């Protein structure tokens, strides 16, 4: 049984602590039960999420961004298929730009462009740290 608690520094406006889910849940399963191939399951779920509603796409974005951070610190026991995942993410974000701009929950609270502001923030960090654009 795996127990994941919210990290004390996780903001009040995020739906869940994706970093802890990755590091204390998914990575542990990957190491302890390699036959499950949780890395491939994660990729498949992310691809499906990116075909969903704006909240699903946001959760996929948040998970992908957290995974990229973990990979950059060599803290992840696996690497995602960046070409497949990031291409799909880019298309999904473009297709949902208007929806993100009209989504004012979670990270979009109080922002004139809603959740799109968070997409832009994450894109800026991805460009700065890894030379990757997600939009």
C-alpha atoms as a PDB file:
ATOM      1  CA  UNK A   1       0.000   0.000   0.000  1.00  0.00           C
ATOM      2  CA  UNK A   2       1.372   3.396  -0.994  1.00  0.00           C
ATOM      3  CA  UNK A   3       0.520   6.509   0.958  1.00  0.00           C
ATOM      4  CA  UNK A   4       0.873   9.920  -0.672  1.00  0.00           C
ATOM      5  CA  UNK A   5       0.298  13.093   1.304  1.00  0.00           C
ATOM      6  CA  UNK A   6       0.281  16.640   0.019  1.00  0.00           C
ATOM      7  CA  UNK A   7       3.610  18.389   0.361  1.00  0.00           C
ATOM      8  CA  UNK A   8       3.523  21.377   2.689  1.00  0.00           C
ATOM      9  CA  UNK A   9       4.534  23.756  -0.118  1.00  0.00           C
ATOM     10  CA  UNK A  10       1.865  22.723  -2.617  1.00  0.00           C
ATOM     11  CA  UNK A  11      -0.296  25.748  -3.390  1.00  0.00           C
ATOM     12  CA  UNK A  12      -3.935  25.918  -2.449  1.00  0.00           C
ATOM     13  CA  UNK A  13      -4.922  26.457  -6.075  1.00  0.00           C
ATOM     14  CA  UNK A  14      -3.639  23.191  -7.507  1.00  0.00           C
ATOM     15  CA  UNK A  15      -5.928  20.165  -7.751  1.00  0.00           C
ATOM     16  CA  UNK A  16      -3.314  17.721  -6.431  1.00  0.00           C
ATOM     17  CA  UNK A  17       0.347  17.307  -5.555  1.00  0.00           C
ATOM     18  CA  UNK A  18       1.551  15.702  -8.785  1.00  0.00           C
ATOM     19  CA  UNK A  19       5.186  15.740  -7.679  1.00  0.00           C
ATOM     20  CA  UNK A  20       4.447  13.539  -4.681  1.00  0.00           C
ATOM     21  CA  UNK A  21       2.257  11.225  -6.730  1.00  0.00           C
ATOM     22  CA  UNK A  22       5.163  10.720  -9.128  1.00  0.00           C
ATOM     23  CA  UNK A  23       7.967  10.385  -6.583  1.00  0.00           C
ATOM     24  CA  UNK A  24       6.174   8.532  -3.790  1.00  0.00           C
ATOM     25  CA  UNK A  25       3.729   6.547  -5.883  1.00  0.00           C
ATOM     26  CA  UNK A  26       4.516   5.936  -9.538  1.00  0.00           C
ATOM     27  CA  UNK A  27       8.301   5.781  -9.145  1.00  0.00           C
ATOM     28  CA  UNK A  28       8.021   3.384  -6.214  1.00  0.00           C
ATOM     29  CA  UNK A  29       5.744   1.062  -8.176  1.00  0.00           C
ATOM     30  CA  UNK A  30       8.129   1.276 -11.150  1.00  0.00           C
ATOM     31  CA  UNK A  31      11.071   0.199  -8.974  1.00  0.00           C
ATOM     32  CA  UNK A  32       9.290  -2.440  -6.910  1.00  0.00           C
ATOM     33  CA  UNK A  33       7.121  -3.993  -9.621  1.00  0.00           C
ATOM     34  CA  UNK A  34       8.817  -3.515 -13.017  1.00  0.00           C
ATOM     35  CA  UNK A  35       6.530  -6.087 -14.635  1.00  0.00           C
ATOM     36  CA  UNK A  36       3.658  -3.595 -14.347  1.00  0.00           C
ATOM     37  CA  UNK A  37       5.465  -1.183 -16.721  1.00  0.00           C
ATOM     38  CA  UNK A  38       3.951   1.793 -14.933  1.00  0.00           C
ATOM     39  CA  UNK A  39       6.004   4.165 -17.106  1.00  0.00           C
ATOM     40  CA  UNK A  40       4.158   2.986 -20.213  1.00  0.00           C
ATOM     41  CA  UNK A  41       0.837   3.053 -18.358  1.00  0.00           C
ATOM     42  CA  UNK A  42       1.548   6.656 -17.354  1.00  0.00           C
ATOM     43  CA  UNK A  43       2.310   7.633 -20.956  1.00  0.00           C
ATOM     44  CA  UNK A  44      -0.895   5.989 -22.180  1.00  0.00           C
ATOM     45  CA  UNK A  45      -2.995   7.732 -19.554  1.00  0.00           C
ATOM     46  CA  UNK A  46      -1.394  11.108 -20.313  1.00  0.00           C
ATOM     47  CA  UNK A  47      -2.159  10.677 -24.017  1.00  0.00           C
ATOM     48  CA  UNK A  48      -5.800   9.901 -23.203  1.00  0.00           C
ATOM     49  CA  UNK A  49      -6.048  12.837 -20.811  1.00  0.00           C
ATOM     50  CA  UNK A  50      -4.855  15.194 -23.534  1.00  0.00           C
ATOM     51  CA  UNK A  51      -7.951  14.230 -25.544  1.00  0.00           C
ATOM     52  CA  UNK A  52     -10.212  15.184 -22.649  1.00  0.00           C
ATOM     53  CA  UNK A  53     -11.704  18.367 -21.310  1.00  0.00           C
ATOM     54  CA  UNK A  54      -9.611  21.366 -20.276  1.00  0.00           C
ATOM     55  CA  UNK A  55      -9.207  20.092 -16.700  1.00  0.00           C
ATOM     56  CA  UNK A  56      -7.891  16.755 -17.996  1.00  0.00           C
ATOM     57  CA  UNK A  57      -5.440  18.540 -20.281  1.00  0.00           C
ATOM     58  CA  UNK A  58      -4.303  20.734 -17.393  1.00  0.00           C
ATOM     59  CA  UNK A  59      -3.691  17.685 -15.181  1.00  0.00           C
ATOM     60  CA  UNK A  60      -1.693  16.074 -18.006  1.00  0.00           C
ATOM     61  CA  UNK A  61       0.321  19.289 -18.429  1.00  0.00           C
ATOM     62  CA  UNK A  62       1.023  19.445 -14.699  1.00  0.00           C
ATOM     63  CA  UNK A  63       2.133  15.812 -14.625  1.00  0.00           C
ATOM     64  CA  UNK A  64       4.332  16.174 -17.706  1.00  0.00           C
ATOM     65  CA  UNK A  65       5.941  19.321 -16.323  1.00  0.00           C
ATOM     66  CA  UNK A  66       6.640  17.609 -12.992  1.00  0.00           C
ATOM     67  CA  UNK A  67       8.105  14.613 -14.829  1.00  0.00           C
ATOM     68  CA  UNK A  68      10.392  16.903 -16.850  1.00  0.00           C
ATOM     69  CA  UNK A  69      11.608  18.480 -13.608  1.00  0.00           C
ATOM     70  CA  UNK A  70      12.309  15.068 -12.084  1.00  0.00           C
ATOM     71  CA  UNK A  71      14.127  13.964 -15.236  1.00  0.00           C
ATOM     72  CA  UNK A  72      16.267  17.107 -15.232  1.00  0.00           C
ATOM     73  CA  UNK A  73      17.453  16.279 -11.695  1.00  0.00           C
ATOM     74  CA  UNK A  74      17.945  12.592 -12.605  1.00  0.00           C
ATOM     75  CA  UNK A  75      15.362  11.809  -9.908  1.00  0.00           C
ATOM     76  CA  UNK A  76      13.077   9.815 -12.174  1.00  0.00           C
ATOM     77  CA  UNK A  77      13.830   6.127 -12.677  1.00  0.00           C
ATOM     78  CA  UNK A  78      12.508   6.424 -16.243  1.00  0.00           C
ATOM     79  CA  UNK A  79      12.137   8.974 -19.022  1.00  0.00           C
ATOM     80  CA  UNK A  80       8.946   9.672 -20.911  1.00  0.00           C
ATOM     81  CA  UNK A  81       8.846   9.520 -24.694  1.00  0.00           C
ATOM     82  CA  UNK A  82       9.254  13.262 -25.126  1.00  0.00           C
ATOM     83  CA  UNK A  83       8.590  13.321 -28.848  1.00  0.00           C
ATOM     84  CA  UNK A  84       5.266  11.529 -28.574  1.00  0.00           C
ATOM     85  CA  UNK A  85       4.104  13.178 -25.331  1.00  0.00           C
ATOM     86  CA  UNK A  86       5.228  16.754 -26.066  1.00  0.00           C
ATOM     87  CA  UNK A  87       3.859  16.739 -29.628  1.00  0.00           C
ATOM     88  CA  UNK A  88       0.476  15.613 -28.333  1.00  0.00           C
ATOM     89  CA  UNK A  89       0.613  18.169 -25.505  1.00  0.00           C
ATOM     90  CA  UNK A  90       1.436  20.976 -27.906  1.00  0.00           C
ATOM     91  CA  UNK A  91      -1.498  20.078 -30.163  1.00  0.00           C
ATOM     92  CA  UNK A  92      -3.863  19.681 -27.242  1.00  0.00           C
ATOM     93  CA  UNK A  93      -2.897  23.025 -25.720  1.00  0.00           C
ATOM     94  CA  UNK A  94      -3.331  24.804 -29.052  1.00  0.00           C
ATOM     95  CA  UNK A  95      -6.715  23.145 -29.605  1.00  0.00           C
ATOM     96  CA  UNK A  96      -7.837  24.180 -26.111  1.00  0.00           C
ATOM     97  CA  UNK A  97      -6.371  27.689 -25.893  1.00  0.00           C
ATOM     98  CA  UNK A  98      -9.793  29.377 -25.848  1.00  0.00           C
ATOM     99  CA  UNK A  99     -11.039  26.896 -23.248  1.00  0.00           C
ATOM    100  CA  UNK A 100      -8.005  27.574 -21.055  1.00  0.00           C
ATOM    101  CA  UNK A 101      -8.551  31.322 -21.351  1.00  0.00           C
ATOM    102  CA  UNK A 102     -12.112  30.821 -20.123  1.00  0.00           C
ATOM    103  CA  UNK A 103     -11.231  28.456 -17.271  1.00  0.00           C
ATOM    104  CA  UNK A 104     -10.990  30.350 -13.998  1.00  0.00           C
ATOM    105  CA  UNK A 105     -10.635  27.553 -11.478  1.00  0.00           C
ATOM    106  CA  UNK A 106      -7.454  26.288  -9.831  1.00  0.00           C
ATOM    107  CA  UNK A 107      -4.428  28.123 -11.278  1.00  0.00           C
ATOM    108  CA  UNK A 108      -6.744  30.316 -13.362  1.00  0.00           C
ATOM    109  CA  UNK A 109      -8.381  32.012 -10.370  1.00  0.00           C
ATOM    110  CA  UNK A 110      -8.232  35.779 -10.579  1.00  0.00           C
ATOM    111  CA  UNK A 111      -6.228  35.835 -13.801  1.00  0.00           C
ATOM    112  CA  UNK A 112      -7.598  37.713 -16.822  1.00  0.00           C
ATOM    113  CA  UNK A 113      -6.598  34.891 -19.189  1.00  0.00           C
ATOM    114  CA  UNK A 114      -7.663  32.170 -16.791  1.00  0.00           C
ATOM    115  CA  UNK A 115      -5.702  28.943 -16.818  1.00  0.00           C
ATOM    116  CA  UNK A 116      -3.898  29.990 -20.011  1.00  0.00           C
ATOM    117  CA  UNK A 117      -1.690  32.168 -17.787  1.00  0.00           C
ATOM    118  CA  UNK A 118      -0.430  28.981 -16.117  1.00  0.00           C
ATOM    119  CA  UNK A 119       0.206  27.384 -19.516  1.00  0.00           C
ATOM    120  CA  UNK A 120       2.282  30.423 -20.494  1.00  0.00           C
ATOM    121  CA  UNK A 121       4.194  30.310 -17.201  1.00  0.00           C
ATOM    122  CA  UNK A 122       5.036  26.626 -17.628  1.00  0.00           C
ATOM    123  CA  UNK A 123       5.986  27.178 -21.272  1.00  0.00           C
ATOM    124  CA  UNK A 124       8.340  29.989 -20.260  1.00  0.00           C
ATOM    125  CA  UNK A 125      10.041  27.728 -17.706  1.00  0.00           C
ATOM    126  CA  UNK A 126      10.303  24.858 -20.207  1.00  0.00           C
ATOM    127  CA  UNK A 127      11.925  27.161 -22.747  1.00  0.00           C
ATOM    128  CA  UNK A 128      14.307  28.626 -20.156  1.00  0.00           C
ATOM    129  CA  UNK A 129      15.446  25.363 -18.584  1.00  0.00           C
ATOM    130  CA  UNK A 130      15.249  22.811 -21.404  1.00  0.00           C
ATOM    131  CA  UNK A 131      14.790  24.725 -24.667  1.00  0.00           C
ATOM    132  CA  UNK A 132      11.344  23.140 -25.090  1.00  0.00           C
ATOM    133  CA  UNK A 133       8.211  24.968 -26.183  1.00  0.00           C
ATOM    134  CA  UNK A 134       4.897  23.349 -25.294  1.00  0.00           C
ATOM    135  CA  UNK A 135       2.731  25.794 -27.251  1.00  0.00           C
END
